[in-house]
């Protein structure tokens, strides 16, 4: 199997704590670079777990079209600013951050007070601007999730008038670009390729970790296929023979034997095939003479019953 190498050729951190990592993977056989790049890009963009603000409560506000006295931004602007907050949460439960700021002040993400489970990645992110003599009280709800989640108007939290829901973008990877370059021809004249993968994250995860998480997801996806064993189709039950379909009346049994079998719910030869000689003797009022009569009648059509019942 062709061995390839992974090199990180560039790494940058932006002013907003976002991160960019550029990786070169190769050499690969022709076609493998596109296959690998497409799969990794899809998982990086939509399969990684992240944290996001899902709801906001603003003191004295009960709908998103209101304004806050003494605050430059209206409620919609504040909600959008909260939506842009970059956070990292280690908790599976909803975490709540709160702030109370008196003006004049510029309210930033660093003013939010969270538990130790939540880290504010970009503390300089502006939330609102408060004028002198005014104040703002804010509460944000942070959850973990995957992909994009629109507001659920039917949820219990949405029923609270003063809790303003936000469409949540959990994706920690903002952009992924990849290109395929041809390299030197390998042994046997086959061409080689090299994958150049550029990963942009919001800073809550490093490009290296994002690549590792995406690769492990793909491994988990394909692992069952590597040990695939097709389950055998259940065998079809053999069709009953023509002899077994013969009704009890056609065996020409004596009246005594016939009536005893009927009372025992025996209506055809197929019903009798589940009996042994001992089973016949246990039928009420069914003696050895009647049992011998049944055995002889079955033998005439090519069917024999065991003498004793089979024990497991």
C-alpha atoms as a PDB file:
ATOM      1  CA  UNK A   1       0.000   0.000   0.000  1.00  0.00           C
ATOM      2  CA  UNK A   2       1.271   3.466  -0.916  1.00  0.00           C
ATOM      3  CA  UNK A   3       2.543   5.373   2.137  1.00  0.00           C
ATOM      4  CA  UNK A   4       1.929   9.121   2.187  1.00  0.00           C
ATOM      5  CA  UNK A   5       3.166  11.946   4.362  1.00  0.00           C
ATOM      6  CA  UNK A   6       1.224  14.776   6.041  1.00  0.00           C
ATOM      7  CA  UNK A   7       2.932  18.160   6.463  1.00  0.00           C
ATOM      8  CA  UNK A   8       1.483  21.345   7.917  1.00  0.00           C
ATOM      9  CA  UNK A   9       3.090  24.019   5.751  1.00  0.00           C
ATOM     10  CA  UNK A  10       1.331  27.092   7.194  1.00  0.00           C
ATOM     11  CA  UNK A  11      -0.369  28.149  10.415  1.00  0.00           C
ATOM     12  CA  UNK A  12      -1.933  31.541  11.211  1.00  0.00           C
ATOM     13  CA  UNK A  13      -3.938  33.079  14.061  1.00  0.00           C
ATOM     14  CA  UNK A  14      -6.160  36.070  13.215  1.00  0.00           C
ATOM     15  CA  UNK A  15      -6.974  39.090  15.342  1.00  0.00           C
ATOM     16  CA  UNK A  16     -10.326  37.500  16.209  1.00  0.00           C
ATOM     17  CA  UNK A  17      -8.527  34.298  17.385  1.00  0.00           C
ATOM     18  CA  UNK A  18      -9.566  32.422  14.227  1.00  0.00           C
ATOM     19  CA  UNK A  19      -7.011  29.906  12.972  1.00  0.00           C
ATOM     20  CA  UNK A  20      -5.852  28.788   9.533  1.00  0.00           C
ATOM     21  CA  UNK A  21      -3.891  25.620   8.874  1.00  0.00           C
ATOM     22  CA  UNK A  22      -2.594  24.446   5.512  1.00  0.00           C
ATOM     23  CA  UNK A  23      -1.710  20.764   5.096  1.00  0.00           C
ATOM     24  CA  UNK A  24      -0.026  18.914   2.238  1.00  0.00           C
ATOM     25  CA  UNK A  25      -0.779  15.194   1.931  1.00  0.00           C
ATOM     26  CA  UNK A  26       1.064  12.991  -0.532  1.00  0.00           C
ATOM     27  CA  UNK A  27       2.144  11.266  -2.613  1.00  0.00           C
ATOM     28  CA  UNK A  28      -1.198   9.695  -3.521  1.00  0.00           C
ATOM     29  CA  UNK A  29      -2.332   7.562  -6.433  1.00  0.00           C
ATOM     30  CA  UNK A  30      -4.311   9.260  -9.185  1.00  0.00           C
ATOM     31  CA  UNK A  31      -7.851  10.011  -8.012  1.00  0.00           C
ATOM     32  CA  UNK A  32      -7.124   9.491  -4.313  1.00  0.00           C
ATOM     33  CA  UNK A  33      -6.455  13.174  -3.613  1.00  0.00           C
ATOM     34  CA  UNK A  34      -9.906  14.214  -4.845  1.00  0.00           C
ATOM     35  CA  UNK A  35     -11.560  11.371  -2.943  1.00  0.00           C
ATOM     36  CA  UNK A  36      -9.742  12.274   0.266  1.00  0.00           C
ATOM     37  CA  UNK A  37     -10.266  16.031  -0.126  1.00  0.00           C
ATOM     38  CA  UNK A  38     -13.993  15.750  -0.824  1.00  0.00           C
ATOM     39  CA  UNK A  39     -14.627  13.402   2.112  1.00  0.00           C
ATOM     40  CA  UNK A  40     -12.602  15.459   4.593  1.00  0.00           C
ATOM     41  CA  UNK A  41     -14.149  18.735   3.468  1.00  0.00           C
ATOM     42  CA  UNK A  42     -17.682  17.414   3.900  1.00  0.00           C
ATOM     43  CA  UNK A  43     -17.046  16.132   7.422  1.00  0.00           C
ATOM     44  CA  UNK A  44     -15.068  19.228   8.449  1.00  0.00           C
ATOM     45  CA  UNK A  45     -17.846  21.564   7.352  1.00  0.00           C
ATOM     46  CA  UNK A  46     -20.863  19.703   8.702  1.00  0.00           C
ATOM     47  CA  UNK A  47     -19.816  16.864  10.999  1.00  0.00           C
ATOM     48  CA  UNK A  48     -17.786  18.435  13.806  1.00  0.00           C
ATOM     49  CA  UNK A  49     -19.330  19.382  17.142  1.00  0.00           C
ATOM     50  CA  UNK A  50     -19.140  22.948  18.428  1.00  0.00           C
ATOM     51  CA  UNK A  51     -20.730  25.414  20.853  1.00  0.00           C
ATOM     52  CA  UNK A  52     -23.047  28.321  20.071  1.00  0.00           C
ATOM     53  CA  UNK A  53     -25.443  30.773  21.703  1.00  0.00           C
ATOM     54  CA  UNK A  54     -28.989  29.445  21.282  1.00  0.00           C
ATOM     55  CA  UNK A  55     -31.031  31.959  23.291  1.00  0.00           C
ATOM     56  CA  UNK A  56     -30.677  35.407  24.866  1.00  0.00           C
ATOM     57  CA  UNK A  57     -32.587  37.135  27.651  1.00  0.00           C
ATOM     58  CA  UNK A  58     -32.329  40.942  27.871  1.00  0.00           C
ATOM     59  CA  UNK A  59     -33.641  42.742  30.921  1.00  0.00           C
ATOM     60  CA  UNK A  60     -36.897  44.599  30.176  1.00  0.00           C
ATOM     61  CA  UNK A  61     -37.253  43.122  26.657  1.00  0.00           C
ATOM     62  CA  UNK A  62     -39.842  40.559  25.572  1.00  0.00           C
ATOM     63  CA  UNK A  63     -39.527  40.573  21.758  1.00  0.00           C
ATOM     64  CA  UNK A  64     -36.759  41.017  19.194  1.00  0.00           C
ATOM     65  CA  UNK A  65     -38.164  44.227  17.651  1.00  0.00           C
ATOM     66  CA  UNK A  66     -37.801  46.265  20.840  1.00  0.00           C
ATOM     67  CA  UNK A  67     -35.107  48.743  21.816  1.00  0.00           C
ATOM     68  CA  UNK A  68     -33.189  49.049  25.082  1.00  0.00           C
ATOM     69  CA  UNK A  69     -33.118  52.553  26.605  1.00  0.00           C
ATOM     70  CA  UNK A  70     -29.606  54.015  26.524  1.00  0.00           C
ATOM     71  CA  UNK A  71     -28.209  51.252  24.276  1.00  0.00           C
ATOM     72  CA  UNK A  72     -27.018  52.207  20.801  1.00  0.00           C
ATOM     73  CA  UNK A  73     -27.857  48.856  19.240  1.00  0.00           C
ATOM     74  CA  UNK A  74     -31.434  47.647  18.958  1.00  0.00           C
ATOM     75  CA  UNK A  75     -32.383  44.150  20.112  1.00  0.00           C
ATOM     76  CA  UNK A  76     -31.908  42.575  16.681  1.00  0.00           C
ATOM     77  CA  UNK A  77     -28.349  43.911  16.513  1.00  0.00           C
ATOM     78  CA  UNK A  78     -27.624  42.584  19.998  1.00  0.00           C
ATOM     79  CA  UNK A  79     -28.951  39.155  19.019  1.00  0.00           C
ATOM     80  CA  UNK A  80     -26.790  39.115  15.897  1.00  0.00           C
ATOM     81  CA  UNK A  81     -23.743  40.110  17.937  1.00  0.00           C
ATOM     82  CA  UNK A  82     -24.461  37.281  20.391  1.00  0.00           C
ATOM     83  CA  UNK A  83     -24.833  34.881  17.495  1.00  0.00           C
ATOM     84  CA  UNK A  84     -21.273  35.788  16.420  1.00  0.00           C
ATOM     85  CA  UNK A  85     -19.762  34.960  19.824  1.00  0.00           C
ATOM     86  CA  UNK A  86     -17.087  32.272  19.605  1.00  0.00           C
ATOM     87  CA  UNK A  87     -17.247  29.916  22.574  1.00  0.00           C
ATOM     88  CA  UNK A  88     -15.918  26.554  23.625  1.00  0.00           C
ATOM     89  CA  UNK A  89     -18.012  24.401  25.960  1.00  0.00           C
ATOM     90  CA  UNK A  90     -17.042  21.142  27.631  1.00  0.00           C
ATOM     91  CA  UNK A  91     -20.499  20.545  29.086  1.00  0.00           C
ATOM     92  CA  UNK A  92     -23.261  18.462  27.532  1.00  0.00           C
ATOM     93  CA  UNK A  93     -25.860  20.562  29.332  1.00  0.00           C
ATOM     94  CA  UNK A  94     -26.972  24.104  28.573  1.00  0.00           C
ATOM     95  CA  UNK A  95     -24.590  26.637  30.114  1.00  0.00           C
ATOM     96  CA  UNK A  96     -25.751  30.144  31.029  1.00  0.00           C
ATOM     97  CA  UNK A  97     -23.624  33.278  31.024  1.00  0.00           C
ATOM     98  CA  UNK A  98     -24.739  36.580  32.597  1.00  0.00           C
ATOM     99  CA  UNK A  99     -23.627  40.181  32.680  1.00  0.00           C
ATOM    100  CA  UNK A 100     -24.792  43.496  34.168  1.00  0.00           C
ATOM    101  CA  UNK A 101     -22.973  46.551  32.794  1.00  0.00           C
ATOM    102  CA  UNK A 102     -23.526  50.204  33.718  1.00  0.00           C
ATOM    103  CA  UNK A 103     -22.736  52.904  31.180  1.00  0.00           C
ATOM    104  CA  UNK A 104     -20.912  54.500  29.705  1.00  0.00           C
ATOM    105  CA  UNK A 105     -19.331  51.271  28.485  1.00  0.00           C
ATOM    106  CA  UNK A 106     -18.769  49.025  25.510  1.00  0.00           C
ATOM    107  CA  UNK A 107     -20.096  45.592  26.406  1.00  0.00           C
ATOM    108  CA  UNK A 108     -17.889  42.772  25.094  1.00  0.00           C
ATOM    109  CA  UNK A 109     -17.839  38.995  25.367  1.00  0.00           C
ATOM    110  CA  UNK A 110     -15.329  39.240  28.219  1.00  0.00           C
ATOM    111  CA  UNK A 111     -18.068  40.741  30.424  1.00  0.00           C
ATOM    112  CA  UNK A 112     -20.042  37.491  30.352  1.00  0.00           C
ATOM    113  CA  UNK A 113     -19.623  35.347  33.452  1.00  0.00           C
ATOM    114  CA  UNK A 114     -19.718  31.598  32.728  1.00  0.00           C
ATOM    115  CA  UNK A 115     -18.930  28.476  34.690  1.00  0.00           C
ATOM    116  CA  UNK A 116     -15.525  26.865  34.290  1.00  0.00           C
ATOM    117  CA  UNK A 117     -17.015  24.616  31.559  1.00  0.00           C
ATOM    118  CA  UNK A 118     -17.201  27.479  29.025  1.00  0.00           C
ATOM    119  CA  UNK A 119     -14.330  29.441  27.491  1.00  0.00           C
ATOM    120  CA  UNK A 120     -14.813  32.679  25.557  1.00  0.00           C
ATOM    121  CA  UNK A 121     -12.489  32.383  22.559  1.00  0.00           C
ATOM    122  CA  UNK A 122     -12.761  35.977  21.347  1.00  0.00           C
ATOM    123  CA  UNK A 123     -13.286  38.137  24.458  1.00  0.00           C
ATOM    124  CA  UNK A 124     -13.040  41.405  22.487  1.00  0.00           C
ATOM    125  CA  UNK A 125     -16.200  40.698  20.475  1.00  0.00           C
ATOM    126  CA  UNK A 126     -18.590  43.650  20.905  1.00  0.00           C
ATOM    127  CA  UNK A 127     -22.128  42.917  22.097  1.00  0.00           C
ATOM    128  CA  UNK A 128     -23.587  46.394  22.784  1.00  0.00           C
ATOM    129  CA  UNK A 129     -22.734  50.010  23.620  1.00  0.00           C
ATOM    130  CA  UNK A 130     -24.321  51.530  26.751  1.00  0.00           C
ATOM    131  CA  UNK A 131     -24.666  55.292  27.291  1.00  0.00           C
ATOM    132  CA  UNK A 132     -23.966  57.133  30.520  1.00  0.00           C
ATOM    133  CA  UNK A 133     -26.669  56.750  33.149  1.00  0.00           C
ATOM    134  CA  UNK A 134     -28.059  53.532  31.647  1.00  0.00           C
ATOM    135  CA  UNK A 135     -27.419  49.825  32.139  1.00  0.00           C
ATOM    136  CA  UNK A 136     -27.957  46.533  30.359  1.00  0.00           C
ATOM    137  CA  UNK A 137     -28.655  43.138  31.872  1.00  0.00           C
ATOM    138  CA  UNK A 138     -28.017  40.141  29.640  1.00  0.00           C
ATOM    139  CA  UNK A 139     -28.248  36.351  29.872  1.00  0.00           C
ATOM    140  CA  UNK A 140     -27.036  34.001  27.118  1.00  0.00           C
ATOM    141  CA  UNK A 141     -27.656  30.257  26.795  1.00  0.00           C
ATOM    142  CA  UNK A 142     -24.871  28.158  25.274  1.00  0.00           C
ATOM    143  CA  UNK A 143     -25.279  24.611  23.969  1.00  0.00           C
ATOM    144  CA  UNK A 144     -23.202  22.054  22.097  1.00  0.00           C
ATOM    145  CA  UNK A 145     -24.346  20.668  18.766  1.00  0.00           C
ATOM    146  CA  UNK A 146     -23.514  19.801  15.174  1.00  0.00           C
ATOM    147  CA  UNK A 147     -24.209  21.809  12.032  1.00  0.00           C
ATOM    148  CA  UNK A 148     -26.989  24.387  11.909  1.00  0.00           C
ATOM    149  CA  UNK A 149     -30.127  24.403  14.063  1.00  0.00           C
ATOM    150  CA  UNK A 150     -32.996  26.799  13.324  1.00  0.00           C
ATOM    151  CA  UNK A 151     -35.221  28.214  16.025  1.00  0.00           C
ATOM    152  CA  UNK A 152     -37.810  25.740  17.317  1.00  0.00           C
ATOM    153  CA  UNK A 153     -40.892  27.817  18.070  1.00  0.00           C
ATOM    154  CA  UNK A 154     -42.632  24.841  19.683  1.00  0.00           C
ATOM    155  CA  UNK A 155     -40.035  24.228  22.404  1.00  0.00           C
ATOM    156  CA  UNK A 156     -40.756  24.966  26.054  1.00  0.00           C
ATOM    157  CA  UNK A 157     -38.024  27.633  26.186  1.00  0.00           C
ATOM    158  CA  UNK A 158     -39.598  29.411  23.230  1.00  0.00           C
ATOM    159  CA  UNK A 159     -42.800  29.727  25.239  1.00  0.00           C
ATOM    160  CA  UNK A 160     -41.022  32.136  27.628  1.00  0.00           C
ATOM    161  CA  UNK A 161     -41.723  35.584  26.168  1.00  0.00           C
ATOM    162  CA  UNK A 162     -38.528  37.170  27.431  1.00  0.00           C
ATOM    163  CA  UNK A 163     -36.219  34.366  26.190  1.00  0.00           C
ATOM    164  CA  UNK A 164     -35.293  35.231  22.612  1.00  0.00           C
ATOM    165  CA  UNK A 165     -34.319  32.216  20.511  1.00  0.00           C
ATOM    166  CA  UNK A 166     -31.431  32.368  18.002  1.00  0.00           C
ATOM    167  CA  UNK A 167     -30.647  30.186  14.999  1.00  0.00           C
ATOM    168  CA  UNK A 168     -27.544  28.327  16.200  1.00  0.00           C
ATOM    169  CA  UNK A 169     -24.452  27.759  14.055  1.00  0.00           C
ATOM    170  CA  UNK A 170     -22.420  25.105  15.857  1.00  0.00           C
ATOM    171  CA  UNK A 171     -19.871  24.566  13.069  1.00  0.00           C
ATOM    172  CA  UNK A 172     -16.341  25.318  14.383  1.00  0.00           C
ATOM    173  CA  UNK A 173     -14.869  25.148  10.853  1.00  0.00           C
ATOM    174  CA  UNK A 174     -15.689  28.191   8.748  1.00  0.00           C
ATOM    175  CA  UNK A 175     -14.142  27.285   5.430  1.00  0.00           C
ATOM    176  CA  UNK A 176     -12.232  24.420   3.783  1.00  0.00           C
ATOM    177  CA  UNK A 177     -10.426  24.665   0.459  1.00  0.00           C
ATOM    178  CA  UNK A 178      -8.439  21.956  -1.271  1.00  0.00           C
ATOM    179  CA  UNK A 179      -6.428  21.669  -4.466  1.00  0.00           C
ATOM    180  CA  UNK A 180      -4.819  18.705  -6.198  1.00  0.00           C
ATOM    181  CA  UNK A 181      -1.315  18.969  -7.650  1.00  0.00           C
ATOM    182  CA  UNK A 182       0.448  16.389  -9.779  1.00  0.00           C
ATOM    183  CA  UNK A 183       3.858  15.241  -8.568  1.00  0.00           C
ATOM    184  CA  UNK A 184       6.649  13.214 -10.113  1.00  0.00           C
ATOM    185  CA  UNK A 185       5.772   9.982 -11.892  1.00  0.00           C
ATOM    186  CA  UNK A 186       6.140   6.942  -9.659  1.00  0.00           C
ATOM    187  CA  UNK A 187       7.394   3.452 -10.357  1.00  0.00           C
ATOM    188  CA  UNK A 188       5.893   1.801 -13.394  1.00  0.00           C
ATOM    189  CA  UNK A 189       5.052   5.147 -15.007  1.00  0.00           C
ATOM    190  CA  UNK A 190       1.993   5.834 -12.815  1.00  0.00           C
ATOM    191  CA  UNK A 191       1.293   9.476 -11.953  1.00  0.00           C
ATOM    192  CA  UNK A 192       1.223  10.685  -8.369  1.00  0.00           C
ATOM    193  CA  UNK A 193      -0.892  13.409  -6.773  1.00  0.00           C
ATOM    194  CA  UNK A 194      -0.608  15.678  -3.754  1.00  0.00           C
ATOM    195  CA  UNK A 195      -3.532  17.116  -1.791  1.00  0.00           C
ATOM    196  CA  UNK A 196      -3.275  20.644  -0.413  1.00  0.00           C
ATOM    197  CA  UNK A 197      -5.929  21.222   2.262  1.00  0.00           C
ATOM    198  CA  UNK A 198      -6.624  24.633   3.825  1.00  0.00           C
ATOM    199  CA  UNK A 199      -8.751  24.658   7.009  1.00  0.00           C
ATOM    200  CA  UNK A 200     -10.195  27.838   8.579  1.00  0.00           C
ATOM    201  CA  UNK A 201     -11.623  27.491  12.110  1.00  0.00           C
ATOM    202  CA  UNK A 202     -13.293  30.019  14.418  1.00  0.00           C
ATOM    203  CA  UNK A 203     -10.621  29.465  17.076  1.00  0.00           C
ATOM    204  CA  UNK A 204     -12.606  27.099  19.300  1.00  0.00           C
ATOM    205  CA  UNK A 205     -10.656  24.228  17.725  1.00  0.00           C
ATOM    206  CA  UNK A 206      -7.259  24.044  16.043  1.00  0.00           C
ATOM    207  CA  UNK A 207      -6.966  22.995  12.385  1.00  0.00           C
ATOM    208  CA  UNK A 208      -4.894  19.995  13.520  1.00  0.00           C
ATOM    209  CA  UNK A 209      -7.619  18.774  15.874  1.00  0.00           C
ATOM    210  CA  UNK A 210     -10.302  19.446  13.278  1.00  0.00           C
ATOM    211  CA  UNK A 211      -8.423  17.281  10.770  1.00  0.00           C
ATOM    212  CA  UNK A 212      -8.008  14.484  13.348  1.00  0.00           C
ATOM    213  CA  UNK A 213     -11.684  14.552  14.383  1.00  0.00           C
ATOM    214  CA  UNK A 214     -12.826  14.466  10.739  1.00  0.00           C
ATOM    215  CA  UNK A 215     -10.506  11.577   9.903  1.00  0.00           C
ATOM    216  CA  UNK A 216     -11.719   9.575  12.906  1.00  0.00           C
ATOM    217  CA  UNK A 217     -15.333  10.123  11.858  1.00  0.00           C
ATOM    218  CA  UNK A 218     -14.553   8.745   8.413  1.00  0.00           C
ATOM    219  CA  UNK A 219     -12.746   5.764   9.953  1.00  0.00           C
ATOM    220  CA  UNK A 220     -15.789   5.034  12.129  1.00  0.00           C
ATOM    221  CA  UNK A 221     -18.012   5.298   9.065  1.00  0.00           C
ATOM    222  CA  UNK A 222     -16.006   2.851   6.947  1.00  0.00           C
ATOM    223  CA  UNK A 223     -14.897   0.427   9.678  1.00  0.00           C
ATOM    224  CA  UNK A 224     -18.068  -1.724   9.542  1.00  0.00           C
ATOM    225  CA  UNK A 225     -17.560  -2.114   5.787  1.00  0.00           C
ATOM    226  CA  UNK A 226     -14.033  -3.470   6.349  1.00  0.00           C
ATOM    227  CA  UNK A 227     -15.445  -6.419   8.287  1.00  0.00           C
ATOM    228  CA  UNK A 228     -18.609  -6.851   6.252  1.00  0.00           C
ATOM    229  CA  UNK A 229     -20.139 -10.333   6.386  1.00  0.00           C
ATOM    230  CA  UNK A 230     -23.309 -10.892   4.460  1.00  0.00           C
ATOM    231  CA  UNK A 231     -25.978 -12.595   6.535  1.00  0.00           C
ATOM    232  CA  UNK A 232     -27.182 -15.799   4.944  1.00  0.00           C
ATOM    233  CA  UNK A 233     -30.706 -15.644   3.677  1.00  0.00           C
ATOM    234  CA  UNK A 234     -33.010 -17.839   5.719  1.00  0.00           C
ATOM    235  CA  UNK A 235     -33.659 -21.117   3.966  1.00  0.00           C
ATOM    236  CA  UNK A 236     -37.058 -21.590   2.492  1.00  0.00           C
ATOM    237  CA  UNK A 237     -39.170 -24.204   4.150  1.00  0.00           C
ATOM    238  CA  UNK A 238     -39.748 -27.200   1.882  1.00  0.00           C
ATOM    239  CA  UNK A 239     -43.155 -27.404   0.352  1.00  0.00           C
ATOM    240  CA  UNK A 240     -45.362 -30.023   1.984  1.00  0.00           C
ATOM    241  CA  UNK A 241     -45.586 -33.298   0.099  1.00  0.00           C
ATOM    242  CA  UNK A 242     -48.800 -34.379  -1.581  1.00  0.00           C
ATOM    243  CA  UNK A 243     -49.139 -37.295   0.856  1.00  0.00           C
ATOM    244  CA  UNK A 244     -49.115 -35.000   3.867  1.00  0.00           C
ATOM    245  CA  UNK A 245     -52.093 -33.095   2.477  1.00  0.00           C
ATOM    246  CA  UNK A 246     -54.327 -36.194   2.477  1.00  0.00           C
ATOM    247  CA  UNK A 247     -57.311 -35.645   4.786  1.00  0.00           C
ATOM    248  CA  UNK A 248     -57.859 -38.062   7.649  1.00  0.00           C
ATOM    249  CA  UNK A 249     -61.048 -39.419   6.054  1.00  0.00           C
ATOM    250  CA  UNK A 250     -59.114 -40.958   3.139  1.00  0.00           C
ATOM    251  CA  UNK A 251     -57.086 -43.267   5.414  1.00  0.00           C
ATOM    252  CA  UNK A 252     -60.195 -45.472   5.839  1.00  0.00           C
ATOM    253  CA  UNK A 253     -59.695 -45.872   9.579  1.00  0.00           C
ATOM    254  CA  UNK A 254     -62.164 -47.526  11.908  1.00  0.00           C
ATOM    255  CA  UNK A 255     -64.836 -45.345  13.464  1.00  0.00           C
ATOM    256  CA  UNK A 256     -63.194 -45.596  16.910  1.00  0.00           C
ATOM    257  CA  UNK A 257     -59.734 -44.549  15.668  1.00  0.00           C
ATOM    258  CA  UNK A 258     -61.183 -41.824  13.463  1.00  0.00           C
ATOM    259  CA  UNK A 259     -63.260 -40.254  16.260  1.00  0.00           C
ATOM    260  CA  UNK A 260     -60.357 -40.335  18.749  1.00  0.00           C
ATOM    261  CA  UNK A 261     -58.057 -38.582  16.291  1.00  0.00           C
ATOM    262  CA  UNK A 262     -60.655 -35.962  15.475  1.00  0.00           C
ATOM    263  CA  UNK A 263     -61.119 -35.179  19.164  1.00  0.00           C
ATOM    264  CA  UNK A 264     -57.316 -34.750  19.379  1.00  0.00           C
ATOM    265  CA  UNK A 265     -57.503 -32.091  16.589  1.00  0.00           C
ATOM    266  CA  UNK A 266     -55.892 -34.387  14.002  1.00  0.00           C
ATOM    267  CA  UNK A 267     -57.453 -33.588  10.624  1.00  0.00           C
ATOM    268  CA  UNK A 268     -54.893 -34.676   8.027  1.00  0.00           C
ATOM    269  CA  UNK A 269     -51.801 -36.793   7.479  1.00  0.00           C
ATOM    270  CA  UNK A 270     -49.593 -33.728   8.100  1.00  0.00           C
ATOM    271  CA  UNK A 271     -51.027 -33.516  11.634  1.00  0.00           C
ATOM    272  CA  UNK A 272     -50.201 -37.180  12.242  1.00  0.00           C
ATOM    273  CA  UNK A 273     -46.580 -36.719  11.101  1.00  0.00           C
ATOM    274  CA  UNK A 274     -45.844 -34.893  14.345  1.00  0.00           C
ATOM    275  CA  UNK A 275     -46.759 -37.994  16.401  1.00  0.00           C
ATOM    276  CA  UNK A 276     -44.768 -41.044  17.412  1.00  0.00           C
ATOM    277  CA  UNK A 277     -46.197 -44.465  18.256  1.00  0.00           C
ATOM    278  CA  UNK A 278     -45.981 -43.572  21.960  1.00  0.00           C
ATOM    279  CA  UNK A 279     -47.816 -40.280  21.318  1.00  0.00           C
ATOM    280  CA  UNK A 280     -50.677 -42.152  19.653  1.00  0.00           C
ATOM    281  CA  UNK A 281     -51.052 -44.410  22.693  1.00  0.00           C
ATOM    282  CA  UNK A 282     -51.439 -41.335  24.915  1.00  0.00           C
ATOM    283  CA  UNK A 283     -54.515 -40.123  23.019  1.00  0.00           C
ATOM    284  CA  UNK A 284     -57.612 -40.604  25.156  1.00  0.00           C
ATOM    285  CA  UNK A 285     -59.427 -43.927  24.447  1.00  0.00           C
ATOM    286  CA  UNK A 286     -56.793 -44.717  21.780  1.00  0.00           C
ATOM    287  CA  UNK A 287     -55.426 -48.217  22.328  1.00  0.00           C
ATOM    288  CA  UNK A 288     -52.612 -50.211  20.774  1.00  0.00           C
ATOM    289  CA  UNK A 289     -54.953 -51.729  18.177  1.00  0.00           C
ATOM    290  CA  UNK A 290     -55.974 -48.278  16.918  1.00  0.00           C
ATOM    291  CA  UNK A 291     -52.325 -47.149  16.944  1.00  0.00           C
ATOM    292  CA  UNK A 292     -51.278 -50.160  14.854  1.00  0.00           C
ATOM    293  CA  UNK A 293     -54.139 -49.395  12.474  1.00  0.00           C
ATOM    294  CA  UNK A 294     -52.888 -45.837  11.955  1.00  0.00           C
ATOM    295  CA  UNK A 295     -49.277 -47.003  11.452  1.00  0.00           C
ATOM    296  CA  UNK A 296     -50.372 -49.495   8.784  1.00  0.00           C
ATOM    297  CA  UNK A 297     -52.522 -46.886   7.014  1.00  0.00           C
ATOM    298  CA  UNK A 298     -49.616 -44.450   6.852  1.00  0.00           C
ATOM    299  CA  UNK A 299     -47.198 -47.100   5.618  1.00  0.00           C
ATOM    300  CA  UNK A 300     -49.527 -47.802   2.700  1.00  0.00           C
ATOM    301  CA  UNK A 301     -48.872 -44.241   1.443  1.00  0.00           C
ATOM    302  CA  UNK A 302     -45.137 -44.347   2.199  1.00  0.00           C
ATOM    303  CA  UNK A 303     -45.047 -42.576   5.568  1.00  0.00           C
ATOM    304  CA  UNK A 304     -43.651 -44.118   8.741  1.00  0.00           C
ATOM    305  CA  UNK A 305     -43.836 -42.810  12.310  1.00  0.00           C
ATOM    306  CA  UNK A 306     -41.096 -43.290  14.940  1.00  0.00           C
ATOM    307  CA  UNK A 307     -41.724 -45.697  17.782  1.00  0.00           C
ATOM    308  CA  UNK A 308     -40.810 -43.220  20.500  1.00  0.00           C
ATOM    309  CA  UNK A 309     -40.761 -39.451  20.792  1.00  0.00           C
ATOM    310  CA  UNK A 310     -37.460 -37.686  20.203  1.00  0.00           C
ATOM    311  CA  UNK A 311     -35.930 -36.197  23.337  1.00  0.00           C
ATOM    312  CA  UNK A 312     -33.877 -32.960  23.157  1.00  0.00           C
END
